[in-house]
Amino acid sequence: MNITKYTFQKHGDDRGQLVAIEEGKDIPFDIKRVYYMYDTGKGVRRGFHAHKKLEQILICVHGNCKIMLDDGHEQKVVLLDSPYEGLYVPNSIWREMFDFSADAVLLVLASDIYQESDYIRDYQEFIKYLGK
């Protein structure tokens, strides 16, 4: 499974840290949508879907969480626990986010606006889609 973790430039001094992310330079797509998850309850899993075209970068800007990725052949679990690292998730990858720390904030940079037609929300449909 070709999953990439990006390390973004961090700049810091005695005032604190700053991370800047520029489309076209730090990530492999133009950013069309930004959203984030927080206050995720203990034991809650999120996601349970894949995208036909959408690409994403996931950044846990505070706390930590795990991301399970599945390409229909292999599963991989990735820990996100650094505000200057982003996980690139290409299209046609099933994803589930889980094991959120109480203080976790998961930021998502997406390559397109929300379009329900791009989602595959049933795992068996996802497997069928891969076999197209």
Protein backbone atom coordinates (compact mmCIF):
# COMPACT_ATOMS: atom_id res chain seq x y z
CA MET A 1 0.00 0.00 0.00
CA ASN A 2 1.49 3.32 -1.08
CA ILE A 3 0.69 5.59 1.86
CA THR A 4 2.88 8.64 2.41
CA LYS A 5 3.52 10.55 5.61
CA TYR A 6 4.61 14.14 5.03
CA THR A 7 6.71 16.09 7.52
CA PHE A 8 5.98 19.79 7.28
CA GLN A 9 8.42 22.58 8.09
CA LYS A 10 8.07 23.81 11.62
CA HIS A 11 9.39 27.12 12.78
CA GLY A 12 9.83 27.86 16.44
CA ASP A 13 11.47 30.01 19.01
CA ASP A 14 10.77 31.05 22.58
CA ARG A 15 7.30 32.25 21.50
CA GLY A 16 6.21 28.77 20.38
CA GLN A 17 5.87 26.76 17.18
CA LEU A 18 4.39 27.53 13.76
CA VAL A 19 3.70 25.12 10.88
CA ALA A 20 2.86 26.49 7.42
CA ILE A 21 1.42 24.30 4.66
CA GLU A 22 1.28 25.59 1.10
CA GLU A 23 -0.71 23.93 -1.66
CA GLY A 24 1.41 23.00 -4.64
CA LYS A 25 4.50 22.93 -2.46
CA ASP A 26 3.87 20.84 0.65
CA ILE A 27 1.00 18.62 -0.53
CA PRO A 28 0.24 16.92 -3.86
CA PHE A 29 -3.09 18.64 -4.62
CA ASP A 30 -4.93 21.95 -4.48
CA ILE A 31 -6.93 22.40 -1.27
CA LYS A 32 -10.66 22.80 -1.89
CA ARG A 33 -12.00 21.96 1.58
CA VAL A 34 -10.71 22.04 5.15
CA TYR A 35 -12.46 20.51 8.14
CA TYR A 36 -11.58 19.11 11.53
CA MET A 37 -12.90 16.71 14.15
CA TYR A 38 -12.66 17.20 17.90
CA ASP A 39 -14.38 16.08 21.12
CA THR A 40 -14.58 12.57 19.71
CA GLY A 41 -15.89 10.32 22.46
CA LYS A 42 -13.93 7.45 23.96
CA GLY A 43 -14.30 4.31 21.87
CA VAL A 44 -15.87 6.14 18.90
CA ARG A 45 -14.73 5.17 15.40
CA ARG A 46 -15.24 7.53 12.47
CA GLY A 47 -14.89 7.31 8.73
CA PHE A 48 -16.07 3.93 7.42
CA HIS A 49 -15.82 5.06 3.80
CA ALA A 50 -13.63 5.48 0.75
CA HIS A 51 -13.59 8.13 -1.97
CA LYS A 52 -13.69 7.58 -5.71
CA LYS A 53 -11.67 10.70 -6.61
CA LEU A 54 -10.98 12.74 -3.46
CA GLU A 55 -7.48 12.89 -1.96
CA GLN A 56 -6.77 13.97 1.61
CA ILE A 57 -4.04 14.93 4.04
CA LEU A 58 -4.89 14.10 7.68
CA ILE A 59 -3.06 15.99 10.44
CA CYS A 60 -3.64 15.44 14.13
CA VAL A 61 -2.88 19.02 15.18
CA HIS A 62 -3.46 18.21 18.85
CA GLY A 63 -3.43 14.92 20.74
CA ASN A 64 -3.35 11.68 18.79
CA CYS A 65 -5.45 9.14 16.94
CA LYS A 66 -5.05 6.09 14.73
CA ILE A 67 -6.05 5.70 11.10
CA MET A 68 -6.82 2.28 9.61
CA LEU A 69 -6.31 2.22 5.85
CA ASP A 70 -7.44 -0.60 3.57
CA ASP A 71 -6.78 -0.88 -0.17
CA GLY A 72 -8.82 -4.07 -0.57
CA HIS A 73 -5.72 -6.28 -0.27
CA GLU A 74 -3.86 -4.97 2.74
CA GLN A 75 -4.70 -3.08 5.93
CA LYS A 76 -2.37 -0.69 7.68
CA VAL A 77 -2.80 1.26 10.94
CA VAL A 78 -0.99 4.59 11.23
CA LEU A 79 -0.61 6.59 14.44
CA LEU A 80 -0.96 10.35 14.00
CA ASP A 81 0.57 12.11 16.99
CA SER A 82 2.48 15.09 15.64
CA PRO A 83 1.10 18.49 14.59
CA TYR A 84 3.77 18.80 11.88
CA GLU A 85 3.14 15.46 10.16
CA GLY A 86 0.39 14.74 7.67
CA LEU A 87 -0.85 11.45 6.31
CA TYR A 88 -1.63 11.45 2.59
CA VAL A 89 -4.64 9.26 1.79
CA PRO A 90 -5.22 8.82 -1.96
CA ASN A 91 -8.57 7.90 -3.48
CA SER A 92 -9.86 4.31 -3.46
CA ILE A 93 -8.66 3.69 0.11
CA TRP A 94 -11.10 2.66 2.86
CA ARG A 95 -10.42 4.61 6.04
CA GLU A 96 -11.46 4.44 9.68
CA MET A 97 -10.29 6.83 12.37
CA PHE A 98 -10.22 5.58 15.97
CA ASP A 99 -8.53 5.60 19.37
CA PHE A 100 -8.74 9.39 19.66
CA SER A 101 -7.11 10.91 22.73
CA ALA A 102 -9.49 13.10 24.74
CA ASP A 103 -7.75 16.23 23.41
CA ALA A 104 -7.41 15.11 19.76
CA VAL A 105 -8.10 17.53 16.92
CA LEU A 106 -7.88 15.86 13.51
CA LEU A 107 -7.54 18.35 10.64
CA VAL A 108 -8.34 17.22 7.09
CA LEU A 109 -7.21 18.97 3.90
CA ALA A 110 -9.25 17.74 0.94
CA SER A 111 -8.75 18.00 -2.81
CA ASP A 112 -12.40 18.77 -3.55
CA ILE A 113 -15.60 20.12 -2.02
CA TYR A 114 -18.06 17.76 -0.33
CA GLN A 115 -19.85 15.60 -2.89
CA GLU A 116 -21.89 12.68 -1.57
CA SER A 117 -21.59 10.94 -4.95
CA ASP A 118 -17.82 10.57 -4.37
CA TYR A 119 -18.31 8.49 -1.20
CA ILE A 120 -18.42 4.71 -0.97
CA ARG A 121 -19.96 4.01 2.43
CA ASP A 122 -20.44 0.23 2.26
CA TYR A 123 -17.34 -1.96 2.49
CA GLN A 124 -18.69 -4.64 0.10
CA GLU A 125 -19.50 -1.92 -2.45
CA PHE A 126 -15.94 -0.65 -1.99
CA ILE A 127 -14.53 -4.10 -2.82
CA LYS A 128 -16.79 -4.28 -5.89
CA TYR A 129 -15.68 -0.79 -6.94
CA LEU A 130 -12.02 -1.86 -6.78
CA GLY A 131 -12.79 -4.75 -9.13
CA LYS A 132 -14.65 -2.48 -11.58
